[in-house]
Protein backbone atom coordinates (compact mmCIF):
# COMPACT_ATOMS: atom_id res chain seq x y z
CA MET A 1 -10.36 -63.26 -59.96
CA GLN A 2 -9.82 -59.63 -60.82
CA GLN A 3 -12.88 -58.80 -58.80
CA ARG A 4 -11.61 -60.83 -55.89
CA LEU A 5 -8.25 -59.01 -55.91
CA SER A 6 -9.94 -55.61 -55.86
CA ASP A 7 -12.16 -56.75 -52.94
CA ILE A 8 -9.11 -57.87 -50.99
CA ARG A 9 -7.34 -54.57 -51.65
CA GLN A 10 -10.36 -52.59 -50.46
CA ASN A 11 -10.59 -54.71 -47.31
CA ARG A 12 -6.89 -54.12 -46.61
CA ARG A 13 -7.37 -50.36 -47.03
CA ARG A 14 -10.26 -50.41 -44.57
CA ASP A 15 -8.24 -52.51 -42.10
CA THR A 16 -5.28 -50.14 -42.39
CA LYS A 17 -7.56 -47.15 -41.72
CA ASN A 18 -9.12 -48.90 -38.72
CA ASP A 19 -5.65 -49.78 -37.32
CA SER A 20 -4.42 -46.21 -37.68
CA GLU A 21 -7.62 -44.91 -36.03
CA LYS A 22 -7.15 -47.41 -33.20
CA MET A 23 -3.54 -46.31 -32.74
CA GLY A 24 -4.60 -42.64 -32.66
CA GLY A 25 -7.29 -43.44 -30.10
CA ARG A 26 -4.79 -45.30 -27.91
CA ARG A 27 -2.33 -42.45 -28.15
CA ARG A 28 -5.04 -39.95 -27.24
CA ASN A 29 -6.11 -42.07 -24.26
CA GLN A 30 -2.51 -42.24 -23.04
CA ILE A 31 -2.20 -38.48 -23.26
CA LEU A 32 -5.47 -37.94 -21.39
CA VAL A 33 -4.51 -40.39 -18.65
CA SER A 34 -1.08 -38.78 -18.20
CA LEU A 35 -2.69 -35.33 -18.13
CA ALA A 36 -5.14 -36.49 -15.45
CA VAL A 37 -2.29 -37.92 -13.35
CA VAL A 38 -0.26 -34.71 -13.64
CA MET A 39 -3.31 -32.61 -12.67
CA PHE A 40 -4.01 -34.85 -9.68
CA LEU A 41 -0.40 -34.54 -8.49
CA GLY A 42 -0.51 -30.76 -8.94
CA VAL A 43 -3.69 -30.46 -6.89
CA ALA A 44 -2.20 -32.70 -4.19
CA VAL A 45 0.93 -30.55 -3.96
CA TYR A 46 -1.19 -27.38 -3.87
CA PHE A 47 -3.32 -28.65 -0.99
CA ARG A 48 -0.21 -29.75 0.90
CA LEU A 49 1.37 -26.31 0.53
CA TRP A 50 -1.91 -24.62 1.46
CA SER A 51 -2.23 -26.65 4.67
CA ILE A 52 1.36 -25.80 5.67
CA ASP A 53 0.83 -22.09 4.95
CA TYR A 54 -2.51 -22.03 6.77
CA SER A 55 -1.08 -23.39 10.02
CA ALA A 56 1.79 -20.88 9.94
CA SER A 57 -0.38 -17.95 8.90
CA SER A 58 -2.76 -18.28 11.88
CA TYR A 59 0.15 -17.50 14.23
CA ASP A 60 1.45 -14.80 11.89
CA THR A 61 -1.93 -13.10 11.87
CA GLU A 62 -1.94 -12.75 15.65
CA LEU A 63 1.65 -11.48 15.65
CA LEU A 64 0.89 -8.95 12.91
CA ARG A 65 -2.17 -7.75 14.78
CA ARG A 66 -0.13 -7.13 17.93
CA GLN A 67 2.59 -5.32 15.99
CA PHE A 68 -0.01 -3.20 14.24
CA ASP A 69 -1.69 -2.29 17.55
CA LEU A 70 1.66 -1.30 19.05
CA ALA A 71 2.63 0.77 16.01
CA ASN A 72 -0.80 2.39 15.97
CA ARG A 73 -0.54 3.41 19.64
CA GLU A 74 2.94 4.85 19.07
CA ALA A 75 1.73 6.77 16.03
CA VAL A 76 -1.22 8.21 17.95
CA ASP A 77 1.07 9.31 20.81
CA GLU A 78 3.53 10.92 18.44
CA SER A 79 0.74 12.60 16.51
CA ALA A 80 -0.64 14.03 19.76
CA GLU A 81 2.81 15.35 20.65
CA TRP A 82 3.21 17.05 17.29
CA ARG A 83 -0.32 18.45 17.52
CA LEU A 84 0.50 19.94 20.93
CA ARG A 85 3.63 21.59 19.53
CA TYR A 86 1.65 22.95 16.61
CA ASP A 87 -1.07 24.30 18.90
CA GLU A 88 1.50 26.04 21.12
CA GLU A 89 3.15 27.73 18.15
CA ALA A 90 -0.21 28.69 16.68
CA LYS A 91 -1.21 30.25 20.00
CA ARG A 92 2.00 32.26 20.18
CA THR A 93 1.54 33.40 16.59
CA SER A 94 -2.03 34.52 17.25
CA GLN A 95 -0.88 36.44 20.32
CA CYS A 96 1.74 38.23 18.24
CA LEU A 97 -0.85 39.06 15.62
CA THR A 98 -3.23 40.52 18.20
CA GLU A 99 -0.41 42.61 19.67
CA LEU A 100 0.45 43.78 16.19
CA LYS A 101 -3.15 44.80 15.54
CA GLN A 102 -3.27 46.64 18.87
CA LEU A 103 -0.10 48.49 17.98
CA LYS A 104 -1.47 49.46 14.61
CA ASN A 105 -4.63 50.76 16.25
CA SER A 106 -2.73 52.61 18.94
CA SER A 107 -0.25 54.00 16.41
CA LYS A 108 -3.03 56.16 15.03
CA LYS A 109 -3.43 57.73 18.47
CA ASP A 110 0.22 57.99 19.47
CA HIS A 111 2.53 60.72 18.17
CA ASP A 112 5.72 58.95 19.03
CA ALA A 113 6.19 57.36 15.62
CA THR A 114 9.81 56.29 16.01
CA TYR A 115 9.15 54.22 19.13
CA ILE A 116 6.12 52.60 17.59
CA ASN A 117 7.96 51.84 14.36
CA GLN A 118 10.77 50.18 16.25
CA LYS A 119 8.36 48.08 18.27
CA LEU A 120 6.40 47.24 15.13
CA GLU A 121 9.54 46.08 13.33
CA LYS A 122 10.50 43.99 16.33
CA LEU A 123 7.07 42.39 16.44
CA LEU A 124 7.10 41.80 12.69
CA MET A 125 10.45 40.04 12.97
CA GLU A 126 9.18 37.91 15.83
CA ASN A 127 6.01 37.18 13.90
CA LYS A 128 8.04 36.14 10.86
CA GLU A 129 10.20 33.84 13.00
CA LEU A 130 7.13 32.30 14.57
CA HIS A 131 5.55 31.72 11.15
CA GLU A 132 8.73 29.98 10.03
CA LYS A 133 8.66 27.80 13.14
CA VAL A 134 5.00 26.91 12.53
CA GLU A 135 5.78 26.00 8.92
CA ALA A 136 8.73 23.88 10.04
CA LEU A 137 6.50 22.09 12.54
CA LYS A 138 3.86 21.53 9.87
CA GLN A 139 6.48 19.96 7.61
CA ASP A 140 7.81 17.81 10.47
CA LEU A 141 4.27 16.70 11.27
CA GLU A 142 3.60 15.77 7.66
CA ALA A 143 6.90 13.88 7.45
CA GLU A 144 6.04 11.93 10.58
CA ARG A 145 2.59 11.11 9.22
CA LEU A 146 4.12 9.79 6.02
CA LYS A 147 6.64 7.82 8.05
CA CYS A 148 3.87 6.29 10.15
CA LYS A 149 1.82 5.42 7.06
CA SER A 150 4.77 3.73 5.38
CA GLN A 151 5.32 1.49 8.40
């Protein structure tokens, strides 16, 4: 009888372990199924949003391309205008420099130092002003380039 009672107790322990393992397995299966459902719903929502965005973005792409082409043409025109201004100022500056060199060379030959000095000072002042204008144009050109790049 004692033996029989110990056998029954061991069987109950095994049954209790099996029941708890079955409950854990069921709980795990429920979690996995709910996870799969949530993942499926997430993928479905993602594809829905992607299809909406794709149809809108095909029109947006064409619009952006047109805007970019227009902005690019405007930037090229403005850049050409600034380049022309820069070239004109550079040409005037080089002319002043050549006149200055000619005066320096001729000053060695001429004895009228006061006249030459006055003309030299005048040319130096004009040269300085022209250099300042060229620098201002360079800065304006750089500012416009940065402005065009930021757009």
